[in-house]
Amino acid sequence: MKKELQSFEAEVDLSVYPLEAVQAAAYTFYDDCYCKISRIKGTEKAVVSIKAKEAGTELSEDVFFNELLHSTLRFRLSEKNQTIRERVVIQALSAAAGGQKEKTNDHGEEADVLLEQEIEKLLKEAESGSYKTDPLDISVPWEDKNAENKKNKTKN
């Protein structure tokens, strides 16, 4: 039988686990626990302190380290796929702007120009108040739109 912990401190090697992953792992305990992350000066290590907010909360250092591995993997995959994600977003915005083809160099300068143009267009639209017009009657409640249909059904 495992002993229930009310708190624990875990020393984490930041050369193995990125600080962002440590923060994400600690955040998963946030609802039920108080979490504190402190760096150890002069080293590549941090101490994570986790304390239960209420008695009876099950804490486990093993669960924390499993979450830390999971967060590390997500963080590293996110880093590796950042360029792909950016290109997908650029292509989506370009397609929404009228199907313009993406022509970029390694730095994505042309895509940045297209993105800036799209942002300017959206800002002008928001400032002009054209969003206040409602050609599809989206702002009209469903009950009001279908009140006549409802009356006809109740008569039959």
C-alpha atoms as a PDB file:
ATOM      1  CA  MET A   1       0.000   0.000   0.000  1.00  0.00           C
ATOM      2  CA  LYS A   2       1.375   3.396  -1.008  1.00  0.00           C
ATOM      3  CA  LYS A   3       1.534   6.171   1.535  1.00  0.00           C
ATOM      4  CA  GLU A   4      -0.524   9.247   0.602  1.00  0.00           C
ATOM      5  CA  LEU A   5       1.616  12.349   0.320  1.00  0.00           C
ATOM      6  CA  GLN A   6       0.369  15.780   1.317  1.00  0.00           C
ATOM      7  CA  SER A   7       3.334  17.458  -0.370  1.00  0.00           C
ATOM      8  CA  PHE A   8       6.586  16.684  -2.135  1.00  0.00           C
ATOM      9  CA  GLU A   9       9.565  18.384  -3.691  1.00  0.00           C
ATOM     10  CA  ALA A  10      11.086  17.111  -6.888  1.00  0.00           C
ATOM     11  CA  GLU A  11      14.476  18.149  -8.219  1.00  0.00           C
ATOM     12  CA  VAL A  12      14.393  18.467 -11.999  1.00  0.00           C
ATOM     13  CA  ASP A  13      17.400  18.582 -14.318  1.00  0.00           C
ATOM     14  CA  LEU A  14      16.720  21.413 -16.780  1.00  0.00           C
ATOM     15  CA  SER A  15      19.284  20.045 -19.225  1.00  0.00           C
ATOM     16  CA  VAL A  16      16.935  17.068 -19.659  1.00  0.00           C
ATOM     17  CA  TYR A  17      13.516  18.715 -19.208  1.00  0.00           C
ATOM     18  CA  PRO A  18      12.823  22.184 -20.662  1.00  0.00           C
ATOM     19  CA  LEU A  19      11.541  24.753 -18.160  1.00  0.00           C
ATOM     20  CA  GLU A  20       8.337  25.147 -20.209  1.00  0.00           C
ATOM     21  CA  ALA A  21       7.634  21.415 -19.800  1.00  0.00           C
ATOM     22  CA  VAL A  22       8.254  21.654 -16.045  1.00  0.00           C
ATOM     23  CA  GLN A  23       5.784  24.535 -15.862  1.00  0.00           C
ATOM     24  CA  ALA A  24       3.192  22.607 -17.890  1.00  0.00           C
ATOM     25  CA  ALA A  25       3.576  19.501 -15.705  1.00  0.00           C
ATOM     26  CA  ALA A  26       3.170  21.553 -12.525  1.00  0.00           C
ATOM     27  CA  TYR A  27       0.120  23.267 -14.037  1.00  0.00           C
ATOM     28  CA  THR A  28      -1.707  19.925 -14.298  1.00  0.00           C
ATOM     29  CA  PHE A  29      -1.713  19.834 -10.482  1.00  0.00           C
ATOM     30  CA  TYR A  30      -2.954  23.433 -10.237  1.00  0.00           C
ATOM     31  CA  ASP A  31      -6.608  22.709  -9.397  1.00  0.00           C
ATOM     32  CA  ASP A  32      -5.894  20.588  -6.334  1.00  0.00           C
ATOM     33  CA  CYS A  33      -2.457  21.755  -5.256  1.00  0.00           C
ATOM     34  CA  TYR A  34      -0.212  24.720  -4.641  1.00  0.00           C
ATOM     35  CA  CYS A  35       2.783  24.607  -6.966  1.00  0.00           C
ATOM     36  CA  LYS A  36       6.105  26.409  -6.789  1.00  0.00           C
ATOM     37  CA  ILE A  37       9.063  26.190  -9.151  1.00  0.00           C
ATOM     38  CA  SER A  38      12.462  27.473  -8.004  1.00  0.00           C
ATOM     39  CA  ARG A  39      15.722  27.417  -9.923  1.00  0.00           C
ATOM     40  CA  ILE A  40      18.857  26.353  -8.077  1.00  0.00           C
ATOM     41  CA  LYS A  41      21.416  29.119  -8.622  1.00  0.00           C
ATOM     42  CA  GLY A  42      24.549  28.147 -10.487  1.00  0.00           C
ATOM     43  CA  THR A  43      23.095  24.870 -11.763  1.00  0.00           C
ATOM     44  CA  GLU A  44      20.847  23.594 -14.512  1.00  0.00           C
ATOM     45  CA  LYS A  45      18.337  22.347 -11.945  1.00  0.00           C
ATOM     46  CA  ALA A  46      15.006  23.410 -10.518  1.00  0.00           C
ATOM     47  CA  VAL A  47      12.984  22.311  -7.526  1.00  0.00           C
ATOM     48  CA  VAL A  48       9.257  21.788  -7.949  1.00  0.00           C
ATOM     49  CA  SER A  49       7.280  21.961  -4.700  1.00  0.00           C
ATOM     50  CA  ILE A  50       3.724  20.655  -4.766  1.00  0.00           C
ATOM     51  CA  LYS A  51       1.425  20.821  -1.728  1.00  0.00           C
ATOM     52  CA  ALA A  52      -2.181  19.605  -1.512  1.00  0.00           C
ATOM     53  CA  LYS A  53      -4.793  22.328  -0.975  1.00  0.00           C
ATOM     54  CA  GLU A  54      -7.031  19.968   1.007  1.00  0.00           C
ATOM     55  CA  ALA A  55      -6.447  16.860   3.102  1.00  0.00           C
ATOM     56  CA  GLY A  56      -7.207  13.662   1.233  1.00  0.00           C
ATOM     57  CA  THR A  57      -5.848  14.861  -2.101  1.00  0.00           C
ATOM     58  CA  GLU A  58      -3.732  12.092  -3.557  1.00  0.00           C
ATOM     59  CA  LEU A  59      -0.284  13.253  -4.601  1.00  0.00           C
ATOM     60  CA  SER A  60       2.423  11.211  -6.201  1.00  0.00           C
ATOM     61  CA  GLU A  61       5.877  12.221  -7.307  1.00  0.00           C
ATOM     62  CA  ASP A  62       5.687   9.404  -9.880  1.00  0.00           C
ATOM     63  CA  VAL A  63       2.569  10.963 -11.431  1.00  0.00           C
ATOM     64  CA  PHE A  64       4.375  14.309 -11.599  1.00  0.00           C
ATOM     65  CA  PHE A  65       7.352  12.804 -13.442  1.00  0.00           C
ATOM     66  CA  ASN A  66       5.037  10.974 -15.865  1.00  0.00           C
ATOM     67  CA  GLU A  67       3.302  14.275 -16.588  1.00  0.00           C
ATOM     68  CA  LEU A  68       6.722  15.903 -16.975  1.00  0.00           C
ATOM     69  CA  LEU A  69       7.678  13.339 -19.637  1.00  0.00           C
ATOM     70  CA  HIS A  70       4.379  13.939 -21.422  1.00  0.00           C
ATOM     71  CA  SER A  71       4.837  17.723 -21.312  1.00  0.00           C
ATOM     72  CA  THR A  72       8.425  17.430 -22.540  1.00  0.00           C
ATOM     73  CA  LEU A  73       7.342  15.359 -25.523  1.00  0.00           C
ATOM     74  CA  ARG A  74       4.556  17.833 -26.394  1.00  0.00           C
ATOM     75  CA  PHE A  75       6.964  20.767 -26.078  1.00  0.00           C
ATOM     76  CA  ARG A  76       9.639  19.162 -28.275  1.00  0.00           C
ATOM     77  CA  LEU A  77       7.113  18.140 -30.935  1.00  0.00           C
ATOM     78  CA  SER A  78       5.709  21.647 -30.881  1.00  0.00           C
ATOM     79  CA  GLU A  79       9.192  23.076 -31.452  1.00  0.00           C
ATOM     80  CA  LYS A  80       9.866  20.681 -34.347  1.00  0.00           C
ATOM     81  CA  ASN A  81       6.528  21.390 -36.029  1.00  0.00           C
ATOM     82  CA  GLN A  82       6.503  25.170 -35.574  1.00  0.00           C
ATOM     83  CA  THR A  83       7.517  25.922 -39.173  1.00  0.00           C
ATOM     84  CA  ILE A  84       4.875  23.553 -40.531  1.00  0.00           C
ATOM     85  CA  ARG A  85       2.171  25.138 -38.357  1.00  0.00           C
ATOM     86  CA  GLU A  86       3.181  28.626 -39.463  1.00  0.00           C
ATOM     87  CA  ARG A  87       3.046  27.647 -43.130  1.00  0.00           C
ATOM     88  CA  VAL A  88      -0.386  26.044 -42.724  1.00  0.00           C
ATOM     89  CA  VAL A  89      -1.727  29.210 -41.094  1.00  0.00           C
ATOM     90  CA  ILE A  90      -0.164  31.401 -43.798  1.00  0.00           C
ATOM     91  CA  GLN A  91      -1.697  29.262 -46.537  1.00  0.00           C
ATOM     92  CA  ALA A  92      -5.091  29.328 -44.835  1.00  0.00           C
ATOM     93  CA  LEU A  93      -4.997  33.116 -44.510  1.00  0.00           C
ATOM     94  CA  SER A  94      -3.826  33.456 -48.106  1.00  0.00           C
ATOM     95  CA  ALA A  95      -6.630  31.238 -49.327  1.00  0.00           C
ATOM     96  CA  ALA A  96      -9.149  33.254 -47.315  1.00  0.00           C
ATOM     97  CA  ALA A  97      -7.797  36.450 -48.884  1.00  0.00           C
ATOM     98  CA  GLY A  98      -8.667  35.257 -52.369  1.00  0.00           C
ATOM     99  CA  GLY A  99      -6.564  32.240 -53.112  1.00  0.00           C
ATOM    100  CA  GLN A 100      -3.263  34.019 -53.531  1.00  0.00           C
ATOM    101  CA  LYS A 101      -0.359  31.615 -53.892  1.00  0.00           C
ATOM    102  CA  GLU A 102       2.364  31.673 -51.276  1.00  0.00           C
ATOM    103  CA  LYS A 103       5.699  32.721 -52.736  1.00  0.00           C
ATOM    104  CA  THR A 104       8.267  33.008 -50.022  1.00  0.00           C
ATOM    105  CA  ASN A 105      11.950  32.870 -49.497  1.00  0.00           C
ATOM    106  CA  ASP A 106      13.474  31.118 -46.482  1.00  0.00           C
ATOM    107  CA  HIS A 107      12.393  33.977 -44.226  1.00  0.00           C
ATOM    108  CA  GLY A 108       8.766  34.075 -45.363  1.00  0.00           C
ATOM    109  CA  GLU A 109       8.919  37.798 -46.203  1.00  0.00           C
ATOM    110  CA  GLU A 110       6.210  37.681 -48.897  1.00  0.00           C
ATOM    111  CA  ALA A 111       3.950  35.660 -46.629  1.00  0.00           C
ATOM    112  CA  ASP A 112       4.476  38.294 -43.924  1.00  0.00           C
ATOM    113  CA  VAL A 113       3.375  40.977 -46.383  1.00  0.00           C
ATOM    114  CA  LEU A 114       0.227  39.011 -47.229  1.00  0.00           C
ATOM    115  CA  LEU A 115      -0.494  38.499 -43.555  1.00  0.00           C
ATOM    116  CA  GLU A 116      -0.032  42.201 -42.825  1.00  0.00           C
ATOM    117  CA  GLN A 117      -2.396  43.081 -45.694  1.00  0.00           C
ATOM    118  CA  GLU A 118      -5.026  40.700 -44.339  1.00  0.00           C
ATOM    119  CA  ILE A 119      -4.697  42.186 -40.846  1.00  0.00           C
ATOM    120  CA  GLU A 120      -5.043  45.732 -42.212  1.00  0.00           C
ATOM    121  CA  LYS A 121      -8.140  44.703 -44.174  1.00  0.00           C
ATOM    122  CA  LEU A 122      -9.743  43.172 -41.077  1.00  0.00           C
ATOM    123  CA  LEU A 123      -8.916  46.227 -38.965  1.00  0.00           C
ATOM    124  CA  LYS A 124     -10.461  48.568 -41.554  1.00  0.00           C
ATOM    125  CA  GLU A 125     -13.568  46.379 -41.673  1.00  0.00           C
ATOM    126  CA  ALA A 126     -13.874  46.432 -37.875  1.00  0.00           C
ATOM    127  CA  GLU A 127     -13.362  50.201 -37.727  1.00  0.00           C
ATOM    128  CA  SER A 128     -15.887  50.879 -40.503  1.00  0.00           C
ATOM    129  CA  GLY A 129     -18.636  49.212 -38.505  1.00  0.00           C
ATOM    130  CA  SER A 130     -19.555  46.894 -41.359  1.00  0.00           C
ATOM    131  CA  TYR A 131     -19.701  44.069 -38.856  1.00  0.00           C
ATOM    132  CA  LYS A 132     -22.843  45.721 -37.475  1.00  0.00           C
ATOM    133  CA  THR A 133     -24.734  44.846 -40.647  1.00  0.00           C
ATOM    134  CA  ASP A 134     -26.225  41.370 -40.481  1.00  0.00           C
ATOM    135  CA  PRO A 135     -27.119  40.130 -43.985  1.00  0.00           C
ATOM    136  CA  LEU A 136     -27.654  36.552 -42.736  1.00  0.00           C
ATOM    137  CA  ASP A 137     -29.778  37.617 -39.742  1.00  0.00           C
ATOM    138  CA  ILE A 138     -27.388  35.904 -37.384  1.00  0.00           C
ATOM    139  CA  SER A 139     -28.264  38.288 -34.574  1.00  0.00           C
ATOM    140  CA  VAL A 140     -31.987  37.478 -34.847  1.00  0.00           C
ATOM    141  CA  PRO A 141     -32.961  34.796 -32.296  1.00  0.00           C
ATOM    142  CA  TRP A 142     -33.995  31.430 -33.731  1.00  0.00           C
ATOM    143  CA  GLU A 143     -37.410  31.685 -32.082  1.00  0.00           C
ATOM    144  CA  ASP A 144     -38.123  34.984 -33.871  1.00  0.00           C
ATOM    145  CA  LYS A 145     -36.999  33.615 -37.246  1.00  0.00           C
ATOM    146  CA  ASN A 146     -39.114  30.486 -36.922  1.00  0.00           C
ATOM    147  CA  ALA A 147     -42.121  31.900 -35.078  1.00  0.00           C
ATOM    148  CA  GLU A 148     -44.279  31.742 -38.232  1.00  0.00           C
ATOM    149  CA  ASN A 149     -43.300  28.116 -38.939  1.00  0.00           C
ATOM    150  CA  LYS A 150     -44.131  27.225 -35.351  1.00  0.00           C
ATOM    151  CA  LYS A 151     -47.584  28.817 -35.626  1.00  0.00           C
ATOM    152  CA  ASN A 152     -48.321  26.860 -38.818  1.00  0.00           C
ATOM    153  CA  LYS A 153     -47.327  23.558 -37.182  1.00  0.00           C
ATOM    154  CA  THR A 154     -49.522  24.141 -34.148  1.00  0.00           C
ATOM    155  CA  LYS A 155     -52.563  24.903 -36.392  1.00  0.00           C
ATOM    156  CA  ASN A 156     -52.171  21.591 -38.242  1.00  0.00           C
END
